N, C-alpha and C. Protein backbone atom coordinates (compact mmCIF):
# COMPACT_ATOMS: atom_id res chain seq x y z
N MET A 1 251.05 179.26 10.23
CA MET A 1 250.73 179.24 11.91
C MET A 1 248.99 180.01 11.51
N PRO A 2 248.05 180.85 11.71
CA PRO A 2 247.16 181.49 12.22
C PRO A 2 247.75 182.23 12.67
N GLU A 3 246.81 183.73 11.82
CA GLU A 3 247.52 185.15 12.74
C GLU A 3 247.11 185.08 13.35
N ASN A 4 245.99 184.64 14.30
CA ASN A 4 245.32 184.93 15.80
C ASN A 4 246.05 184.30 16.15
N GLN A 5 246.88 183.13 16.06
CA GLN A 5 247.20 182.21 16.91
C GLN A 5 248.46 182.28 17.61
N LEU A 6 248.41 182.48 19.10
CA LEU A 6 249.14 182.31 19.96
C LEU A 6 250.37 181.72 20.10
N VAL A 7 252.00 182.36 19.88
CA VAL A 7 252.27 181.90 19.89
C VAL A 7 253.47 181.80 21.34
N PRO A 8 253.71 180.60 22.03
CA PRO A 8 253.99 179.72 23.41
C PRO A 8 254.89 180.69 24.17
N LEU A 9 255.24 181.18 25.22
CA LEU A 9 256.01 181.70 25.93
C LEU A 9 256.34 181.19 26.30
N GLU A 10 257.40 181.30 25.81
CA GLU A 10 259.21 180.23 26.68
C GLU A 10 259.75 180.68 28.40
N SER A 11 259.81 182.13 27.86
CA SER A 11 260.02 182.40 29.30
C SER A 11 260.05 183.93 29.52
N ILE A 12 260.32 184.79 30.52
CA ILE A 12 260.23 186.30 31.08
C ILE A 12 262.09 185.97 31.60
N THR A 13 262.55 186.73 31.14
CA THR A 13 263.90 187.73 32.06
C THR A 13 263.90 189.08 32.20
N TYR A 14 264.27 189.01 33.86
CA TYR A 14 263.76 190.79 34.60
C TYR A 14 265.12 191.97 34.13
N PHE A 15 265.01 192.44 34.18
CA PHE A 15 266.44 193.77 33.88
C PHE A 15 266.24 195.02 34.52
N PHE A 16 267.40 195.15 35.06
CA PHE A 16 267.14 196.41 35.91
C PHE A 16 268.74 197.26 34.97
N THR A 17 268.54 198.53 34.46
CA THR A 17 268.94 199.50 34.06
C THR A 17 270.13 200.52 34.99
N ARG A 18 270.93 200.75 35.13
CA ARG A 18 271.47 202.57 35.06
C ARG A 18 272.42 202.42 34.43
N SER A 19 272.23 204.02 34.82
CA SER A 19 273.35 204.57 33.77
C SER A 19 273.74 205.86 34.44
N LYS A 20 275.03 206.37 34.49
CA LYS A 20 275.20 208.10 34.84
C LYS A 20 276.20 208.31 33.30
N ASP A 21 276.03 210.03 33.14
CA ASP A 21 276.71 210.58 32.33
C ASP A 21 277.35 211.82 32.55
N VAL A 22 278.33 212.23 32.13
CA VAL A 22 278.55 213.34 32.59
C VAL A 22 279.26 214.32 30.24
N HIS A 23 278.05 215.32 30.17
CA HIS A 23 278.61 216.03 28.94
C HIS A 23 278.91 217.54 29.04
N GLU A 24 278.40 218.08 28.14
CA GLU A 24 279.20 219.47 27.47
C GLU A 24 277.93 219.73 26.88
N GLU A 25 277.20 220.77 27.14
CA GLU A 25 276.56 221.39 26.25
C GLU A 25 276.06 223.04 25.55
N ASN A 26 277.30 223.84 24.86
CA ASN A 26 277.18 224.80 24.50
C ASN A 26 277.77 225.44 26.30
N GLY A 27 278.95 224.95 26.41
CA GLY A 27 279.90 224.85 27.65
C GLY A 27 278.98 224.94 28.65
N THR A 28 277.66 223.98 29.08
CA THR A 28 278.16 223.83 30.07
C THR A 28 277.89 222.73 30.15
N LEU A 29 278.46 222.21 31.46
CA LEU A 29 278.57 220.46 32.07
C LEU A 29 277.26 220.08 32.51
N PHE A 30 276.97 218.85 32.35
CA PHE A 30 275.84 218.60 32.97
C PHE A 30 275.87 216.94 33.28
N VAL A 31 275.29 216.36 34.28
CA VAL A 31 274.87 215.07 34.92
C VAL A 31 273.20 214.69 34.76
N THR A 32 273.90 213.59 33.74
CA THR A 32 272.65 212.49 33.24
C THR A 32 271.71 211.59 34.29
N LEU A 33 271.12 210.68 34.79
CA LEU A 33 270.69 209.98 36.08
C LEU A 33 270.10 208.62 34.57
N PHE A 34 269.72 208.32 34.83
CA PHE A 34 269.16 207.23 34.19
C PHE A 34 268.49 205.55 34.32
N ALA A 35 267.16 205.16 35.13
CA ALA A 35 266.84 204.28 35.58
C ALA A 35 266.24 203.71 34.58
N ARG A 36 266.02 202.17 34.53
CA ARG A 36 265.05 201.83 34.02
C ARG A 36 265.03 199.97 34.83
N LEU A 37 263.40 199.55 34.56
CA LEU A 37 263.00 198.54 35.23
C LEU A 37 262.14 197.69 33.44
N THR A 38 263.17 196.89 32.41
CA THR A 38 262.36 196.12 31.80
C THR A 38 261.70 194.20 32.08
N ARG A 39 261.07 193.81 31.28
CA ARG A 39 261.04 192.76 30.94
C ARG A 39 261.23 192.22 29.60
N GLU A 40 261.54 190.91 29.50
CA GLU A 40 261.97 190.69 28.23
C GLU A 40 261.16 189.27 27.89
N PHE A 41 260.56 189.20 26.90
CA PHE A 41 259.23 188.17 26.50
C PHE A 41 260.32 187.42 25.46
N THR A 42 261.01 186.10 25.86
CA THR A 42 260.61 185.74 24.55
C THR A 42 260.18 183.76 24.59
N LYS A 43 259.71 184.27 22.53
CA LYS A 43 258.45 183.47 22.94
C LYS A 43 259.50 182.07 21.93
N SER A 44 258.96 180.96 22.23
CA SER A 44 258.97 179.19 21.00
C SER A 44 259.37 179.41 19.78
N GLY A 45 260.78 179.94 19.31
CA GLY A 45 261.32 179.63 17.74
C GLY A 45 261.67 180.90 18.38
N GLY A 46 262.44 181.98 19.98
CA GLY A 46 263.00 182.63 20.02
C GLY A 46 262.28 184.01 19.74
N GLN A 47 261.59 184.41 18.84
CA GLN A 47 261.15 186.12 19.48
C GLN A 47 260.78 186.52 20.94
N LYS A 48 262.08 187.89 20.07
CA LYS A 48 261.71 188.53 21.70
C LYS A 48 261.09 189.67 21.58
N LYS A 49 260.71 189.81 22.99
CA LYS A 49 259.44 191.40 22.80
C LYS A 49 260.14 192.25 24.05
N VAL A 50 260.24 193.00 23.90
CA VAL A 50 261.31 194.17 25.59
C VAL A 50 260.12 194.83 25.73
N GLU A 51 259.73 194.68 27.16
CA GLU A 51 258.11 195.87 27.46
C GLU A 51 259.06 197.32 29.06
N SER A 52 259.34 197.86 28.65
CA SER A 52 259.53 198.53 29.82
C SER A 52 258.24 199.18 30.52
N VAL A 53 258.41 198.52 31.71
CA VAL A 53 257.95 198.69 33.28
C VAL A 53 257.84 200.30 33.35
N TRP A 54 259.47 200.12 33.56
CA TRP A 54 259.45 201.87 34.30
C TRP A 54 259.99 202.03 33.92
N VAL A 55 260.77 203.42 34.20
CA VAL A 55 261.61 204.39 33.16
C VAL A 55 261.90 206.14 34.29
N ASP A 56 262.76 206.33 34.88
CA ASP A 56 262.94 207.35 34.77
C ASP A 56 264.53 207.87 34.53
N ILE A 57 264.15 209.91 34.11
CA ILE A 57 265.56 210.01 33.73
C ILE A 57 266.20 211.14 34.86
N GLU A 58 267.02 211.49 34.81
CA GLU A 58 267.30 213.03 35.65
C GLU A 58 268.95 213.79 35.15
N GLU A 59 268.30 215.19 34.70
CA GLU A 59 269.32 215.50 34.34
C GLU A 59 269.73 217.62 34.91
N LYS A 60 270.96 217.03 35.35
CA LYS A 60 271.38 218.56 36.64
C LYS A 60 273.00 219.39 35.66
N LYS A 61 272.63 220.43 35.77
CA LYS A 61 274.14 221.40 35.13
C LYS A 61 274.70 221.20 36.40
N MET A 62 276.69 221.01 36.17
CA MET A 62 277.05 220.58 36.93
C MET A 62 276.49 221.09 38.23
N GLU A 63 276.33 222.26 38.52
CA GLU A 63 276.64 222.73 39.81
C GLU A 63 275.60 222.80 40.43
N HIS A 64 274.87 222.10 39.99
CA HIS A 64 273.68 221.60 41.01
C HIS A 64 273.86 220.00 40.99
N ALA A 65 274.04 219.36 40.83
CA ALA A 65 274.54 218.73 40.82
C ALA A 65 274.84 218.17 42.51
N THR A 66 274.05 216.69 43.36
CA THR A 66 274.47 216.55 44.27
C THR A 66 276.11 215.91 44.17
N LYS A 67 276.41 215.65 45.64
CA LYS A 67 278.05 215.11 45.51
C LYS A 67 277.29 213.41 45.85
N GLN A 68 276.34 213.52 45.87
CA GLN A 68 276.13 211.50 45.78
C GLN A 68 276.34 211.63 43.45
N MET A 69 275.65 211.95 43.08
CA MET A 69 276.00 212.21 41.79
C MET A 69 277.32 212.61 41.48
N MET A 70 277.98 213.27 42.04
CA MET A 70 278.98 213.21 41.71
C MET A 70 280.22 212.80 41.87
N VAL A 71 280.35 211.89 42.34
CA VAL A 71 280.97 210.36 42.95
C VAL A 71 280.56 209.19 42.28
N LEU A 72 279.55 208.96 41.71
CA LEU A 72 279.39 208.05 40.96
C LEU A 72 280.62 207.70 39.24
N PRO A 73 280.91 207.02 38.98
CA PRO A 73 281.59 206.80 37.33
C PRO A 73 280.71 207.04 36.54
N ASN A 74 281.31 207.19 35.55
CA ASN A 74 280.12 207.16 34.03
C ASN A 74 280.47 206.01 33.82
N TYR A 75 279.46 205.37 33.94
CA TYR A 75 278.64 203.91 33.67
C TYR A 75 277.43 203.50 32.87
N ILE A 76 277.71 202.55 32.74
CA ILE A 76 275.64 201.92 31.85
C ILE A 76 276.09 200.79 32.40
N HIS A 77 275.23 200.57 33.47
CA HIS A 77 275.09 198.93 34.32
C HIS A 77 273.64 198.13 33.19
N ARG A 78 273.76 196.91 32.92
CA ARG A 78 272.89 196.25 33.08
C ARG A 78 272.36 195.34 33.76
N TYR A 79 272.09 194.39 34.67
CA TYR A 79 271.68 193.64 35.73
C TYR A 79 270.34 192.67 35.11
N ASN A 80 270.79 191.63 35.10
CA ASN A 80 269.56 190.27 34.40
C ASN A 80 269.13 189.71 36.00
N ILE A 81 267.94 190.62 36.96
CA ILE A 81 267.48 190.17 38.61
C ILE A 81 266.78 189.60 38.08
N SER A 82 266.35 189.57 39.15
CA SER A 82 264.86 187.92 39.68
C SER A 82 263.37 188.74 39.47
N LYS A 83 262.41 188.32 39.14
CA LYS A 83 260.68 188.38 39.41
C LYS A 83 260.76 188.63 40.90
N GLU A 84 261.18 188.85 42.35
CA GLU A 84 261.04 189.41 43.50
C GLU A 84 262.37 190.85 43.05
N VAL A 85 263.02 190.71 43.42
CA VAL A 85 263.97 191.72 42.86
C VAL A 85 263.50 192.72 41.78
N PHE A 86 262.58 192.73 41.00
CA PHE A 86 262.60 193.49 40.27
C PHE A 86 260.50 194.26 40.43
N TRP A 87 260.29 194.00 41.10
CA TRP A 87 258.64 193.48 41.44
C TRP A 87 259.10 194.70 42.70
N GLY A 88 260.12 194.54 43.58
CA GLY A 88 260.56 195.07 44.77
C GLY A 88 261.56 196.02 44.21
N LEU A 89 262.09 196.14 43.16
CA LEU A 89 262.28 197.91 42.92
C LEU A 89 261.42 198.63 42.32
N PHE A 90 260.02 197.49 41.42
CA PHE A 90 259.53 197.91 40.79
C PHE A 90 258.37 199.15 41.92
N LYS A 91 258.36 198.51 43.47
CA LYS A 91 257.23 199.43 44.51
C LYS A 91 258.39 200.24 44.88
N VAL A 92 259.50 200.46 44.77
CA VAL A 92 260.46 201.30 45.69
C VAL A 92 260.51 202.66 44.59
N SER A 93 260.04 202.14 43.01
CA SER A 93 260.57 203.47 41.97
C SER A 93 258.69 204.27 43.12
N ALA A 94 257.56 203.74 43.17
CA ALA A 94 256.54 204.68 43.61
C ALA A 94 256.58 205.67 44.48
N ASP A 95 257.39 205.41 45.66
CA ASP A 95 258.14 205.88 46.43
C ASP A 95 259.43 206.74 46.68
N CYS A 96 260.46 206.54 45.45
CA CYS A 96 261.97 207.04 46.14
C CYS A 96 262.65 206.56 45.10
N ARG A 97 262.30 206.94 43.97
CA ARG A 97 262.21 207.00 42.03
C ARG A 97 263.60 206.99 43.04
N LYS A 98 264.38 208.24 42.88
CA LYS A 98 265.04 208.71 42.83
C LYS A 98 266.95 207.79 43.84
N GLU A 99 265.96 207.25 44.47
CA GLU A 99 267.31 206.72 45.17
C GLU A 99 267.83 205.24 44.22
N LEU A 100 266.41 204.40 42.74
CA LEU A 100 266.73 203.29 42.47
C LEU A 100 268.31 204.35 41.71
N TYR A 101 268.91 205.20 41.23
CA TYR A 101 270.24 205.01 40.70
C TYR A 101 271.86 205.30 41.25
N TYR A 102 271.07 204.59 42.41
CA TYR A 102 272.67 204.29 43.74
C TYR A 102 272.77 203.32 43.82
N VAL A 103 271.08 202.18 43.42
CA VAL A 103 271.08 200.63 44.19
C VAL A 103 271.49 199.93 43.31
N THR A 104 272.85 199.22 44.20
CA THR A 104 272.96 197.86 43.34
C THR A 104 272.83 196.30 43.65
N PRO A 105 271.20 195.79 42.43
CA PRO A 105 270.53 195.01 43.04
C PRO A 105 270.90 193.51 43.05
N PHE A 106 270.72 192.31 43.60
CA PHE A 106 271.56 191.05 43.40
C PHE A 106 271.37 190.55 41.72
N SER A 107 272.16 190.34 41.00
CA SER A 107 271.84 190.09 40.03
C SER A 107 271.71 188.53 39.70
N ILE A 108 271.46 188.37 38.74
CA ILE A 108 271.38 186.91 38.59
C ILE A 108 272.87 186.51 37.50
N LEU A 109 273.54 185.79 36.94
CA LEU A 109 274.76 185.48 36.33
C LEU A 109 274.05 184.14 35.86
N LYS A 110 274.31 185.05 34.40
CA LYS A 110 274.19 183.52 33.04
C LYS A 110 275.52 183.47 33.23
């Protein structure tokens, strides 16, 4: 296949990832929250490309963490979501980005 010929796109899959971790550095405890919106492009032939559309990370010393942060378990969740939910979360990220650390979206089961 010539280099400049495009490979047909088979599908786009939308993901929302969020996580929390408590860790220690030099005797100080930290809480880290992370959220990301990504799209995964699959081309015919199985080639995949992942694009991060939005990402946010927040780290606080344990003594400055909110109660809402503290009650979350340590976790990593990756949700397969619809295009509509993806873009809805993207809109929320513009005004209320910190709220996405606590959102559980409707997920597409596969």
